[in-house]
Amino acid sequence: MALFKPKAAQAQVDFDYLPRHVAIIMDGNGRWAKRRGLPRTAGHAAGAETFRTIATYCQKIGIEYLTVYAFSTENWKRPLEEVSAIIGLLKKYLLESIEKMERDKIRLHFFGDLEALPPELRELTVRTDDISTHYDGMQVNVCFNYGGRDEIVRAARAFAAECAAGKKDPAQLTEADFSGYLYSAGVPDPDLVIRPSGELRISNFLLWQSAYAEFYYTDVLWPDFSKEELNKALAAYQGRSRRYGGV
C-alpha cells in the first residue's frame, strides 16, 4: 500500500498498485545542457538534482526498489572533464547520503565494477553498503561502471570457477541460481524500465533482469523529468497486462 498519495495525480495513478521495482536510464543530460548553451557538466549537475527528487518521491509513494543507470562501462570514452565531473557528483551524493540514510532509512547499493574508481570513492561505497545492512527501507541501486554484458560475463566466470573447483554441477544450473551471481543478487527484477530523452534502445542496461519488464519511453530529457512525468510512466504501466509469455 502506498505511503503517500499526491492529490493531483490520484485520478491518473492507482497508488495502491505500484511496480515493486522501477529502473531508469538517466539519459539526456548533455543534450539538456547544449540546448541552453551550457557545458555538458552542467547537465550532469542538473540530472543529479533530478535523481534526488525522483528517489525521494519513489520513497514517499512506496516503491521498494529504484535502480538508476548513472555511468556505463563505455562512458570512460567521454572527455576527461566530463568523466571527472560525474565522479565528483557521485562523491558529493555519497557524502550527503551517508548523513541522510540513517534518517530516511534508505538503503544504497551499487551495481558495477567499482575497482576502477578512486580509492576514496570506493571507500565511500563500502560505507554506504555497510550502513544499508541496518535498514529495511527502500533500496536505491546505482549502476556505476556498469554494463549488462559485462555483468553476465562476470557471473559466468564466477560460476565456471566454482564448477572447476568441484563446488557446482553445470548440469544443475537454473536461471534462479545464475541470478545469484549477478550484481543484483537478491533484488527482484525490475517491473518497469523508463528511458527519458527519446532514445529507443536499452543501451546494455540490466539485460538479464529486464527480460519481462515493461518499458516506457519519453522525449523528456532527464534533467526535466519530474514527479508528474514519473506518474505518466506509472499510469502507462498500470494500463498493461503482464503475461510473462502466457496468454
C-alpha atoms as a PDB file:
ATOM      1  CA  MET A   1       0.000   0.000   0.000  1.00  0.00           C
ATOM      2  CA  ALA A   2       1.289   3.455  -0.888  1.00  0.00           C
ATOM      3  CA  LEU A   3       2.711   5.558   1.928  1.00  0.00           C
ATOM      4  CA  PHE A   4       1.799   8.866   0.272  1.00  0.00           C
ATOM      5  CA  LYS A   5      -0.838   9.744  -2.320  1.00  0.00           C
ATOM      6  CA  PRO A   6      -0.390  13.033  -4.218  1.00  0.00           C
ATOM      7  CA  LYS A   7      -3.865  14.523  -4.701  1.00  0.00           C
ATOM      8  CA  ALA A   8      -3.149  15.929  -8.170  1.00  0.00           C
ATOM      9  CA  ALA A   9      -2.324  12.518  -9.557  1.00  0.00           C
ATOM     10  CA  GLN A  10      -4.883  10.291  -7.830  1.00  0.00           C
ATOM     11  CA  ALA A  11      -7.143  10.164 -10.881  1.00  0.00           C
ATOM     12  CA  GLN A  12      -4.285   9.021 -13.072  1.00  0.00           C
ATOM     13  CA  VAL A  13      -2.291   6.609 -10.909  1.00  0.00           C
ATOM     14  CA  ASP A  14      -3.515   3.915  -8.562  1.00  0.00           C
ATOM     15  CA  PHE A  15      -1.018   4.354  -5.740  1.00  0.00           C
ATOM     16  CA  ASP A  16      -2.094   1.034  -4.246  1.00  0.00           C
ATOM     17  CA  TYR A  17      -0.944  -0.782  -7.384  1.00  0.00           C
ATOM     18  CA  LEU A  18       2.618   0.343  -7.974  1.00  0.00           C
ATOM     19  CA  PRO A  19       5.513  -1.579  -9.516  1.00  0.00           C
ATOM     20  CA  ARG A  20       7.737  -3.017  -6.846  1.00  0.00           C
ATOM     21  CA  HIS A  21      10.927  -2.162  -8.747  1.00  0.00           C
ATOM     22  CA  VAL A  22      11.424   0.784 -11.129  1.00  0.00           C
ATOM     23  CA  ALA A  23      14.606   1.143 -13.199  1.00  0.00           C
ATOM     24  CA  ILE A  24      15.596   4.341 -15.026  1.00  0.00           C
ATOM     25  CA  ILE A  25      18.194   5.096 -17.699  1.00  0.00           C
ATOM     26  CA  MET A  26      19.104   8.671 -16.751  1.00  0.00           C
ATOM     27  CA  ASP A  27      19.688   9.944 -20.285  1.00  0.00           C
ATOM     28  CA  GLY A  28      19.772  13.385 -21.882  1.00  0.00           C
ATOM     29  CA  ASN A  29      21.951  15.435 -19.530  1.00  0.00           C
ATOM     30  CA  GLY A  30      24.379  16.514 -22.252  1.00  0.00           C
ATOM     31  CA  ARG A  31      21.657  17.495 -24.719  1.00  0.00           C
ATOM     32  CA  TRP A  32      19.811  19.413 -21.999  1.00  0.00           C
ATOM     33  CA  ALA A  33      22.944  21.485 -21.361  1.00  0.00           C
ATOM     34  CA  LYS A  34      23.705  22.007 -25.059  1.00  0.00           C
ATOM     35  CA  ARG A  35      20.230  23.404 -25.725  1.00  0.00           C
ATOM     36  CA  ARG A  36      20.892  26.006 -23.058  1.00  0.00           C
ATOM     37  CA  GLY A  37      24.400  26.880 -24.205  1.00  0.00           C
ATOM     38  CA  LEU A  38      25.885  25.297 -21.100  1.00  0.00           C
ATOM     39  CA  PRO A  39      28.776  22.827 -20.696  1.00  0.00           C
ATOM     40  CA  ARG A  40      27.798  19.165 -20.504  1.00  0.00           C
ATOM     41  CA  THR A  41      28.930  19.122 -16.880  1.00  0.00           C
ATOM     42  CA  ALA A  42      26.069  21.496 -16.049  1.00  0.00           C
ATOM     43  CA  GLY A  43      23.658  18.940 -17.485  1.00  0.00           C
ATOM     44  CA  HIS A  44      25.034  16.219 -15.224  1.00  0.00           C
ATOM     45  CA  ALA A  45      24.668  18.505 -12.191  1.00  0.00           C
ATOM     46  CA  ALA A  46      21.031  19.182 -13.128  1.00  0.00           C
ATOM     47  CA  GLY A  47      20.488  15.453 -13.686  1.00  0.00           C
ATOM     48  CA  ALA A  48      21.843  14.700 -10.219  1.00  0.00           C
ATOM     49  CA  GLU A  49      19.236  17.008  -8.701  1.00  0.00           C
ATOM     50  CA  THR A  50      16.511  15.263 -10.683  1.00  0.00           C
ATOM     51  CA  PHE A  51      17.751  11.927  -9.344  1.00  0.00           C
ATOM     52  CA  ARG A  52      17.392  13.206  -5.769  1.00  0.00           C
ATOM     53  CA  THR A  53      13.872  14.442  -6.477  1.00  0.00           C
ATOM     54  CA  ILE A  54      12.713  11.207  -8.113  1.00  0.00           C
ATOM     55  CA  ALA A  55      14.339   8.969  -5.486  1.00  0.00           C
ATOM     56  CA  THR A  56      12.652  10.923  -2.694  1.00  0.00           C
ATOM     57  CA  TYR A  57       9.289  10.743  -4.471  1.00  0.00           C
ATOM     58  CA  CYS A  58       9.609   6.996  -5.055  1.00  0.00           C
ATOM     59  CA  GLN A  59      10.228   6.502  -1.369  1.00  0.00           C
ATOM     60  CA  LYS A  60       7.198   8.620  -0.431  1.00  0.00           C
ATOM     61  CA  ILE A  61       4.766   6.742  -2.641  1.00  0.00           C
ATOM     62  CA  GLY A  62       6.035   3.326  -1.531  1.00  0.00           C
ATOM     63  CA  ILE A  63       8.185   1.950  -4.354  1.00  0.00           C
ATOM     64  CA  GLU A  64      10.525  -0.627  -2.828  1.00  0.00           C
ATOM     65  CA  TYR A  65      13.412  -0.606  -5.313  1.00  0.00           C
ATOM     66  CA  LEU A  66      14.781   2.091  -7.620  1.00  0.00           C
ATOM     67  CA  THR A  67      17.703   1.281  -9.940  1.00  0.00           C
ATOM     68  CA  VAL A  68      19.353   4.032 -11.974  1.00  0.00           C
ATOM     69  CA  TYR A  69      21.919   3.872 -14.776  1.00  0.00           C
ATOM     70  CA  ALA A  70      24.483   6.502 -13.800  1.00  0.00           C
ATOM     71  CA  PHE A  71      27.674   5.556 -15.663  1.00  0.00           C
ATOM     72  CA  SER A  72      28.280   2.720 -18.101  1.00  0.00           C
ATOM     73  CA  THR A  73      31.438   0.733 -18.831  1.00  0.00           C
ATOM     74  CA  GLU A  74      31.546   2.619 -22.154  1.00  0.00           C
ATOM     75  CA  ASN A  75      31.272   6.103 -20.620  1.00  0.00           C
ATOM     76  CA  TRP A  76      35.013   6.208 -19.884  1.00  0.00           C
ATOM     77  CA  LYS A  77      35.388   7.154 -23.566  1.00  0.00           C
ATOM     78  CA  ARG A  78      33.900  10.565 -22.848  1.00  0.00           C
ATOM     79  CA  PRO A  79      36.096  13.680 -22.347  1.00  0.00           C
ATOM     80  CA  LEU A  80      38.143  13.615 -19.155  1.00  0.00           C
ATOM     81  CA  GLU A  81      36.482  16.798 -17.865  1.00  0.00           C
ATOM     82  CA  GLU A  82      33.035  15.232 -18.166  1.00  0.00           C
ATOM     83  CA  VAL A  83      34.088  11.943 -16.542  1.00  0.00           C
ATOM     84  CA  SER A  84      35.730  13.834 -13.671  1.00  0.00           C
ATOM     85  CA  ALA A  85      32.576  15.880 -13.164  1.00  0.00           C
ATOM     86  CA  ILE A  86      30.402  12.748 -12.983  1.00  0.00           C
ATOM     87  CA  ILE A  87      32.735  11.128 -10.464  1.00  0.00           C
ATOM     88  CA  GLY A  88      32.741  14.354  -8.439  1.00  0.00           C
ATOM     89  CA  LEU A  89      28.947  14.378  -8.378  1.00  0.00           C
ATOM     90  CA  LEU A  90      28.908  10.763  -7.200  1.00  0.00           C
ATOM     91  CA  LYS A  91      31.266  11.633  -4.347  1.00  0.00           C
ATOM     92  CA  LYS A  92      29.096  14.608  -3.362  1.00  0.00           C
ATOM     93  CA  TYR A  93      25.972  12.450  -3.443  1.00  0.00           C
ATOM     94  CA  LEU A  94      27.558   9.704  -1.332  1.00  0.00           C
ATOM     95  CA  LEU A  95      28.712  12.161   1.322  1.00  0.00           C
ATOM     96  CA  GLU A  96      25.203  13.599   1.524  1.00  0.00           C
ATOM     97  CA  SER A  97      23.640  10.141   1.528  1.00  0.00           C
ATOM     98  CA  ILE A  98      25.711   8.928   4.456  1.00  0.00           C
ATOM     99  CA  GLU A  99      24.191  11.747   6.508  1.00  0.00           C
ATOM    100  CA  LYS A 100      20.627  11.078   5.330  1.00  0.00           C
ATOM    101  CA  MET A 101      20.464   7.276   5.103  1.00  0.00           C
ATOM    102  CA  GLU A 102      20.039   6.823   8.844  1.00  0.00           C
ATOM    103  CA  ARG A 103      17.326   9.483   8.969  1.00  0.00           C
ATOM    104  CA  ASP A 104      15.385   8.281   5.924  1.00  0.00           C
ATOM    105  CA  LYS A 105      16.136   4.543   6.310  1.00  0.00           C
ATOM    106  CA  ILE A 106      17.128   4.290   2.632  1.00  0.00           C
ATOM    107  CA  ARG A 107      19.453   1.515   1.528  1.00  0.00           C
ATOM    108  CA  LEU A 108      22.030   2.375  -1.126  1.00  0.00           C
ATOM    109  CA  HIS A 109      23.721  -0.297  -3.200  1.00  0.00           C
ATOM    110  CA  PHE A 110      25.984  -0.306  -6.267  1.00  0.00           C
ATOM    111  CA  PHE A 111      25.921  -2.476  -9.370  1.00  0.00           C
ATOM    112  CA  GLY A 112      29.134  -2.439 -11.366  1.00  0.00           C
ATOM    113  CA  ASP A 113      32.908  -2.842 -11.258  1.00  0.00           C
ATOM    114  CA  LEU A 114      33.965  -0.333  -8.613  1.00  0.00           C
ATOM    115  CA  GLU A 115      37.663  -1.258  -8.768  1.00  0.00           C
ATOM    116  CA  ALA A 116      38.158   1.434 -11.413  1.00  0.00           C
ATOM    117  CA  LEU A 117      37.024   4.168  -9.010  1.00  0.00           C
ATOM    118  CA  PRO A 118      39.441   6.292  -6.950  1.00  0.00           C
ATOM    119  CA  PRO A 119      40.210   4.677  -3.546  1.00  0.00           C
ATOM    120  CA  GLU A 120      38.379   7.379  -1.578  1.00  0.00           C
ATOM    121  CA  LEU A 121      35.248   6.861  -3.641  1.00  0.00           C
ATOM    122  CA  ARG A 122      35.435   3.072  -3.275  1.00  0.00           C
ATOM    123  CA  GLU A 123      35.662   3.526   0.476  1.00  0.00           C
ATOM    124  CA  LEU A 124      32.516   5.651   0.435  1.00  0.00           C
ATOM    125  CA  THR A 125      30.621   2.957  -1.498  1.00  0.00           C
ATOM    126  CA  VAL A 126      31.686   0.395   1.112  1.00  0.00           C
ATOM    127  CA  ARG A 127      30.469   2.677   3.904  1.00  0.00           C
ATOM    128  CA  THR A 128      27.068   3.151   2.291  1.00  0.00           C
ATOM    129  CA  ASP A 129      26.766  -0.600   1.764  1.00  0.00           C
ATOM    130  CA  ASP A 130      27.572  -1.177   5.429  1.00  0.00           C
ATOM    131  CA  ILE A 131      25.024   1.380   6.603  1.00  0.00           C
ATOM    132  CA  SER A 132      22.404  -0.209   4.337  1.00  0.00           C
ATOM    133  CA  THR A 133      22.625  -3.545   6.137  1.00  0.00           C
ATOM    134  CA  HIS A 134      20.969  -1.978   9.187  1.00  0.00           C
ATOM    135  CA  TYR A 135      17.736  -0.920   7.468  1.00  0.00           C
ATOM    136  CA  ASP A 136      14.715  -2.460   5.758  1.00  0.00           C
ATOM    137  CA  GLY A 137      13.521   0.610   3.851  1.00  0.00           C
ATOM    138  CA  MET A 138      13.553   1.467   0.159  1.00  0.00           C
ATOM    139  CA  GLN A 139      16.664   0.349  -1.732  1.00  0.00           C
ATOM    140  CA  VAL A 140      18.315   2.557  -4.347  1.00  0.00           C
ATOM    141  CA  ASN A 141      20.694   0.750  -6.708  1.00  0.00           C
ATOM    142  CA  VAL A 142      23.183   2.918  -8.591  1.00  0.00           C
ATOM    143  CA  CYS A 143      24.693   1.330 -11.700  1.00  0.00           C
ATOM    144  CA  PHE A 144      28.181   2.818 -11.978  1.00  0.00           C
ATOM    145  CA  ASN A 145      30.875   1.482 -14.306  1.00  0.00           C
ATOM    146  CA  TYR A 146      28.173  -0.985 -15.210  1.00  0.00           C
ATOM    147  CA  GLY A 147      27.392  -2.897 -18.388  1.00  0.00           C
ATOM    148  CA  GLY A 148      24.803  -5.641 -18.785  1.00  0.00           C
ATOM    149  CA  ARG A 149      27.014  -7.850 -20.931  1.00  0.00           C
ATOM    150  CA  ASP A 150      29.966  -7.344 -18.599  1.00  0.00           C
ATOM    151  CA  GLU A 151      27.769  -8.332 -15.661  1.00  0.00           C
ATOM    152  CA  ILE A 152      26.697 -11.566 -17.363  1.00  0.00           C
ATOM    153  CA  VAL A 153      30.282 -12.450 -18.353  1.00  0.00           C
ATOM    154  CA  ARG A 154      31.471 -11.866 -14.776  1.00  0.00           C
ATOM    155  CA  ALA A 155      28.674 -14.056 -13.447  1.00  0.00           C
ATOM    156  CA  ALA A 156      29.530 -16.812 -15.942  1.00  0.00           C
ATOM    157  CA  ARG A 157      33.173 -16.690 -14.900  1.00  0.00           C
ATOM    158  CA  ALA A 158      32.255 -16.927 -11.222  1.00  0.00           C
ATOM    159  CA  PHE A 159      30.010 -19.910 -11.852  1.00  0.00           C
ATOM    160  CA  ALA A 160      32.653 -21.592 -14.056  1.00  0.00           C
ATOM    161  CA  ALA A 161      35.249 -21.142 -11.329  1.00  0.00           C
ATOM    162  CA  GLU A 162      33.008 -22.901  -8.817  1.00  0.00           C
ATOM    163  CA  CYS A 163      32.413 -25.712 -11.301  1.00  0.00           C
ATOM    164  CA  ALA A 164      36.160 -26.086 -11.822  1.00  0.00           C
ATOM    165  CA  ALA A 165      36.617 -26.279  -8.047  1.00  0.00           C
ATOM    166  CA  GLY A 166      34.007 -29.023  -7.843  1.00  0.00           C
ATOM    167  CA  LYS A 167      31.539 -26.879  -5.916  1.00  0.00           C
ATOM    168  CA  LYS A 168      28.890 -26.700  -8.641  1.00  0.00           C
ATOM    169  CA  ASP A 169      27.498 -29.031 -11.274  1.00  0.00           C
ATOM    170  CA  PRO A 170      26.849 -27.200 -14.580  1.00  0.00           C
ATOM    171  CA  ALA A 171      24.043 -29.640 -15.398  1.00  0.00           C
ATOM    172  CA  GLN A 172      22.150 -28.407 -12.334  1.00  0.00           C
ATOM    173  CA  LEU A 173      22.310 -24.699 -13.181  1.00  0.00           C
ATOM    174  CA  THR A 174      18.943 -22.893 -13.180  1.00  0.00           C
ATOM    175  CA  GLU A 175      18.017 -19.323 -14.043  1.00  0.00           C
ATOM    176  CA  ALA A 176      17.440 -18.607 -10.356  1.00  0.00           C
ATOM    177  CA  ASP A 177      20.897 -19.971  -9.493  1.00  0.00           C
ATOM    178  CA  PHE A 178      22.569 -17.875 -12.192  1.00  0.00           C
ATOM    179  CA  SER A 179      20.814 -14.734 -10.967  1.00  0.00           C
ATOM    180  CA  GLY A 180      22.657 -15.199  -7.699  1.00  0.00           C
ATOM    181  CA  TYR A 181      25.955 -14.458  -9.435  1.00  0.00           C
ATOM    182  CA  LEU A 182      24.792 -11.092 -10.779  1.00  0.00           C
ATOM    183  CA  TYR A 183      25.304  -7.702  -9.123  1.00  0.00           C
ATOM    184  CA  SER A 184      21.554  -7.700  -8.475  1.00  0.00           C
ATOM    185  CA  ALA A 185      21.560 -10.933  -6.463  1.00  0.00           C
ATOM    186  CA  GLY A 186      18.669 -10.851  -4.000  1.00  0.00           C
ATOM    187  CA  VAL A 187      16.932  -7.930  -5.742  1.00  0.00           C
ATOM    188  CA  PRO A 188      13.675  -8.629  -7.623  1.00  0.00           C
ATOM    189  CA  ASP A 189      13.760  -7.992 -11.367  1.00  0.00           C
ATOM    190  CA  PRO A 190      12.514  -4.559 -12.474  1.00  0.00           C
ATOM    191  CA  ASP A 191       8.828  -4.328 -13.278  1.00  0.00           C
ATOM    192  CA  LEU A 192       9.161  -1.060 -15.180  1.00  0.00           C
ATOM    193  CA  VAL A 193      12.149   0.348 -17.104  1.00  0.00           C
ATOM    194  CA  ILE A 194      11.963   4.042 -18.008  1.00  0.00           C
ATOM    195  CA  ARG A 195      14.122   5.785 -20.608  1.00  0.00           C
ATOM    196  CA  PRO A 196      13.859   9.559 -20.998  1.00  0.00           C
ATOM    197  CA  SER A 197      15.428  11.587 -23.870  1.00  0.00           C
ATOM    198  CA  GLY A 198      13.672   9.988 -26.832  1.00  0.00           C
ATOM    199  CA  GLU A 199      16.166   7.182 -27.435  1.00  0.00           C
ATOM    200  CA  LEU A 200      14.547   3.802 -28.146  1.00  0.00           C
ATOM    201  CA  ARG A 201      17.204   1.357 -27.017  1.00  0.00           C
ATOM    202  CA  ILE A 202      18.229  -0.414 -23.821  1.00  0.00           C
ATOM    203  CA  SER A 203      21.940   0.546 -24.020  1.00  0.00           C
ATOM    204  CA  ASN A 204      23.341  -2.504 -22.214  1.00  0.00           C
ATOM    205  CA  PHE A 205      21.227  -1.895 -19.097  1.00  0.00           C
ATOM    206  CA  LEU A 206      20.011  -4.801 -16.936  1.00  0.00           C
ATOM    207  CA  LEU A 207      19.956  -7.179 -19.888  1.00  0.00           C
ATOM    208  CA  TRP A 208      19.256 -10.293 -17.816  1.00  0.00           C
ATOM    209  CA  GLN A 209      16.981  -8.673 -15.262  1.00  0.00           C
ATOM    210  CA  SER A 210      14.683  -6.808 -17.668  1.00  0.00           C
ATOM    211  CA  ALA A 211      13.654  -9.862 -19.708  1.00  0.00           C
ATOM    212  CA  TYR A 212       9.983  -9.376 -18.766  1.00  0.00           C
ATOM    213  CA  ALA A 213       9.993  -5.741 -17.680  1.00  0.00           C
ATOM    214  CA  GLU A 214       7.557  -3.229 -19.121  1.00  0.00           C
ATOM    215  CA  PHE A 215       9.288  -0.385 -20.982  1.00  0.00           C
ATOM    216  CA  TYR A 216       8.299   3.273 -21.060  1.00  0.00           C
ATOM    217  CA  TYR A 217       9.953   5.839 -23.335  1.00  0.00           C
ATOM    218  CA  THR A 218       9.565   9.619 -23.311  1.00  0.00           C
ATOM    219  CA  ASP A 219      11.147  12.514 -25.220  1.00  0.00           C
ATOM    220  CA  VAL A 220      11.635  14.448 -21.973  1.00  0.00           C
ATOM    221  CA  LEU A 221      15.336  14.866 -21.161  1.00  0.00           C
ATOM    222  CA  TRP A 222      16.390  13.532 -17.771  1.00  0.00           C
ATOM    223  CA  PRO A 223      17.030  16.932 -16.063  1.00  0.00           C
ATOM    224  CA  ASP A 224      13.427  17.872 -16.961  1.00  0.00           C
ATOM    225  CA  PHE A 225      11.987  14.551 -15.784  1.00  0.00           C
ATOM    226  CA  SER A 226       9.590  15.392 -12.956  1.00  0.00           C
ATOM    227  CA  LYS A 227       7.312  13.636 -10.489  1.00  0.00           C
ATOM    228  CA  GLU A 228       4.494  14.283 -12.963  1.00  0.00           C
ATOM    229  CA  GLU A 229       6.471  12.524 -15.712  1.00  0.00           C
ATOM    230  CA  LEU A 230       7.033   9.559 -13.411  1.00  0.00           C
ATOM    231  CA  ASN A 231       3.298   9.452 -12.740  1.00  0.00           C
ATOM    232  CA  LYS A 232       2.696   9.205 -16.504  1.00  0.00           C
ATOM    233  CA  ALA A 233       5.048   6.215 -16.648  1.00  0.00           C
ATOM    234  CA  LEU A 234       3.326   4.572 -13.672  1.00  0.00           C
ATOM    235  CA  ALA A 235      -0.099   5.106 -15.232  1.00  0.00           C
ATOM    236  CA  ALA A 236       1.096   3.565 -18.512  1.00  0.00           C
ATOM    237  CA  TYR A 237       2.466   0.572 -16.582  1.00  0.00           C
ATOM    238  CA  GLN A 238      -0.842   0.081 -14.812  1.00  0.00           C
ATOM    239  CA  GLY A 239      -2.650   0.000 -18.145  1.00  0.00           C
ATOM    240  CA  ARG A 240      -0.705  -3.005 -19.387  1.00  0.00           C
ATOM    241  CA  SER A 241      -1.297  -6.725 -18.936  1.00  0.00           C
ATOM    242  CA  ARG A 242       1.816  -8.632 -17.878  1.00  0.00           C
ATOM    243  CA  ARG A 243       1.545 -12.189 -19.197  1.00  0.00           C
ATOM    244  CA  TYR A 244       5.171 -13.386 -18.927  1.00  0.00           C
ATOM    245  CA  GLY A 245       4.858 -15.349 -22.160  1.00  0.00           C
ATOM    246  CA  GLY A 246       1.402 -16.725 -21.331  1.00  0.00           C
ATOM    247  CA  VAL A 247      -1.997 -15.923 -22.789  1.00  0.00           C
END
